[in-house]
Protein backbone atom coordinates (compact mmCIF):
# COMPACT_ATOMS: atom_id res chain seq x y z
CA MET A 1 0.16 -0.09 -0.32
CA VAL A 2 1.00 3.38 -0.95
CA LYS A 3 1.88 5.81 2.15
CA ASN A 4 0.70 9.81 1.31
CA TYR A 5 0.40 12.29 3.30
CA GLY A 6 -0.96 14.90 1.06
CA GLN A 7 2.09 15.79 0.25
CA SER A 8 4.91 13.16 -0.88
CA ALA A 9 4.34 9.95 -3.00
CA PRO A 10 7.24 7.58 -2.24
CA LEU A 11 8.83 6.32 -5.40
CA GLY A 12 10.59 2.59 -6.38
CA PRO A 13 9.31 -0.63 -7.20
CA VAL A 14 8.89 -1.81 -2.79
CA SER A 15 6.19 0.77 -2.07
CA TYR A 16 4.14 -0.37 -4.58
CA ALA A 17 4.54 -4.42 -3.51
CA PRO A 18 0.56 -5.37 -3.79
CA ASP A 19 0.90 -8.32 -1.25
CA GLY A 20 3.72 -7.29 0.80
CA PRO A 21 6.95 -8.35 0.74
CA ALA A 22 5.94 -11.98 0.58
CA ALA A 23 5.38 -11.32 -2.97
CA LEU A 24 8.60 -9.50 -4.20
CA ASP A 25 11.18 -11.72 -5.57
CA CYS A 26 14.85 -11.77 -4.41
CA ARG A 27 15.98 -8.59 -5.80
CA HIS A 28 12.94 -6.12 -4.40
CA ARG A 29 13.43 -7.98 -1.51
CA ARG A 30 17.13 -6.52 -0.53
CA LEU A 31 15.48 -3.01 -1.57
CA LEU A 32 12.94 -3.35 1.24
CA HIS A 33 15.78 -1.57 3.62
CA MET A 34 16.76 0.76 1.76
CA PRO A 35 15.79 4.43 2.22
CA MET A 36 12.76 5.05 -0.10
CA PRO A 37 12.88 8.86 -1.75
CA TRP A 38 10.13 11.90 -1.68
CA ILE A 39 8.37 13.75 -4.18
CA ARG A 40 6.52 16.89 -2.87
CA THR A 41 3.35 16.11 -4.21
CA VAL A 42 0.42 19.06 -4.21
CA PRO A 43 -2.80 16.80 -3.00
CA PRO A 44 -6.62 16.22 -4.84
CA GLY A 45 -8.15 19.24 -2.69
CA GLU A 46 -5.76 21.28 -3.19
CA ALA A 47 -4.99 21.32 -6.69
CA GLU A 48 -6.27 24.30 -8.21
CA GLY A 49 -6.39 25.97 -12.01
CA LEU A 50 -4.82 23.15 -14.97
CA LEU A 51 -3.39 20.76 -12.60
CA ARG A 52 -7.47 20.33 -11.05
CA GLN A 53 -8.75 20.36 -14.71
CA ILE A 54 -6.06 17.34 -14.81
CA TYR A 55 -6.88 15.77 -11.84
CA ASP A 56 -10.76 15.93 -12.05
CA ALA A 57 -10.05 14.40 -16.07
CA ALA A 58 -8.04 11.79 -13.86
CA VAL A 59 -10.50 10.58 -11.76
CA ARG A 60 -13.06 10.24 -14.59
CA ARG A 61 -10.42 7.87 -16.93
CA ALA A 62 -9.18 5.98 -14.32
CA GLY A 63 -11.39 6.42 -10.82
CA LYS A 64 -9.03 8.09 -8.77
CA VAL A 65 -5.13 9.87 -9.49
CA PHE A 66 -2.56 8.05 -9.97
CA ASN A 67 0.92 8.19 -7.89
CA VAL A 68 2.36 8.97 -11.08
CA VAL A 69 0.45 11.12 -11.98
CA ARG A 70 0.83 13.17 -8.71
CA LEU A 71 4.34 12.61 -9.57
CA GLN A 72 4.72 15.82 -12.07
CA SER A 73 1.90 18.04 -9.94
CA LEU A 74 4.06 20.84 -9.36
CA ARG A 75 4.50 21.12 -12.82
CA PRO A 76 0.79 21.27 -14.63
CA LYS A 77 1.96 22.23 -17.88
CA VAL A 78 4.82 19.87 -18.23
CA LEU A 79 2.00 17.24 -16.78
CA HIS A 80 -0.59 18.39 -18.80
CA ALA A 81 2.40 17.38 -21.76
CA SER A 82 3.12 14.23 -20.57
CA MET A 83 -0.41 13.05 -20.06
CA GLN A 84 -1.01 14.57 -23.57
CA LEU A 85 1.54 11.91 -25.01
CA TYR A 86 0.51 8.82 -22.97
CA LEU A 87 -2.85 9.40 -24.74
CA GLU A 88 -2.05 9.55 -28.00
CA LEU A 89 0.38 6.90 -27.59
CA MET A 90 -2.01 3.98 -25.92
CA HIS A 91 -5.53 5.71 -26.80
CA SER A 92 -4.99 6.63 -30.75
CA ARG A 93 -6.31 4.72 -33.07
CA GLU A 94 -3.83 5.40 -35.24
CA GLY A 95 -0.98 3.15 -36.12
CA ALA A 96 -0.12 -0.41 -36.19
CA LEU A 97 -0.49 -1.64 -33.34
CA THR A 98 -4.41 -2.17 -31.13
CA ARG A 99 -4.80 -0.44 -27.65
CA ALA A 100 -4.87 -4.40 -26.47
CA GLN A 101 -1.15 -4.82 -27.54
CA ARG A 102 0.20 -1.64 -26.73
CA GLU A 103 -1.46 -2.39 -22.89
CA MET A 104 0.55 -5.70 -23.64
CA ILE A 105 3.47 -4.13 -24.01
CA ALA A 106 3.34 -1.47 -21.34
CA VAL A 107 2.88 -4.52 -18.43
CA VAL A 108 5.47 -6.25 -19.89
CA VAL A 109 7.84 -3.92 -19.74
CA SER A 110 6.82 -3.03 -16.73
CA ALA A 111 7.03 -6.37 -15.61
CA THR A 112 10.40 -6.94 -16.78
CA ASN A 113 11.45 -3.40 -14.87
CA GLY A 114 9.81 -4.82 -11.34
CA CYS A 115 6.96 -2.24 -11.47
CA HIS A 116 3.78 -2.13 -10.13
CA TYR A 117 2.65 -0.39 -12.88
């Protein structure tokens, strides 16, 4: 479970372990004892202007604001550009790959990198 006290979001594979330490492979178990960096973020309840619009769209699309979105919250214009790139890459009807194929590739890359996302 990700701990977030409205100011920061943890980074690293350990913070996102869905089933606790038992579900982690050996490489990730070693990381359990490493300090985790924290990045200050803007909580959804404090978002204003462009960031509020981005957060509201995230909630409509996914039901919540994921930490991967919050990590860029201090720079709403950069977050907006990043979200536009993501949406174009993953949701566009252009290109040779279907959306399902794009999602499958993302899952394989995430698993290979030991990333919960």
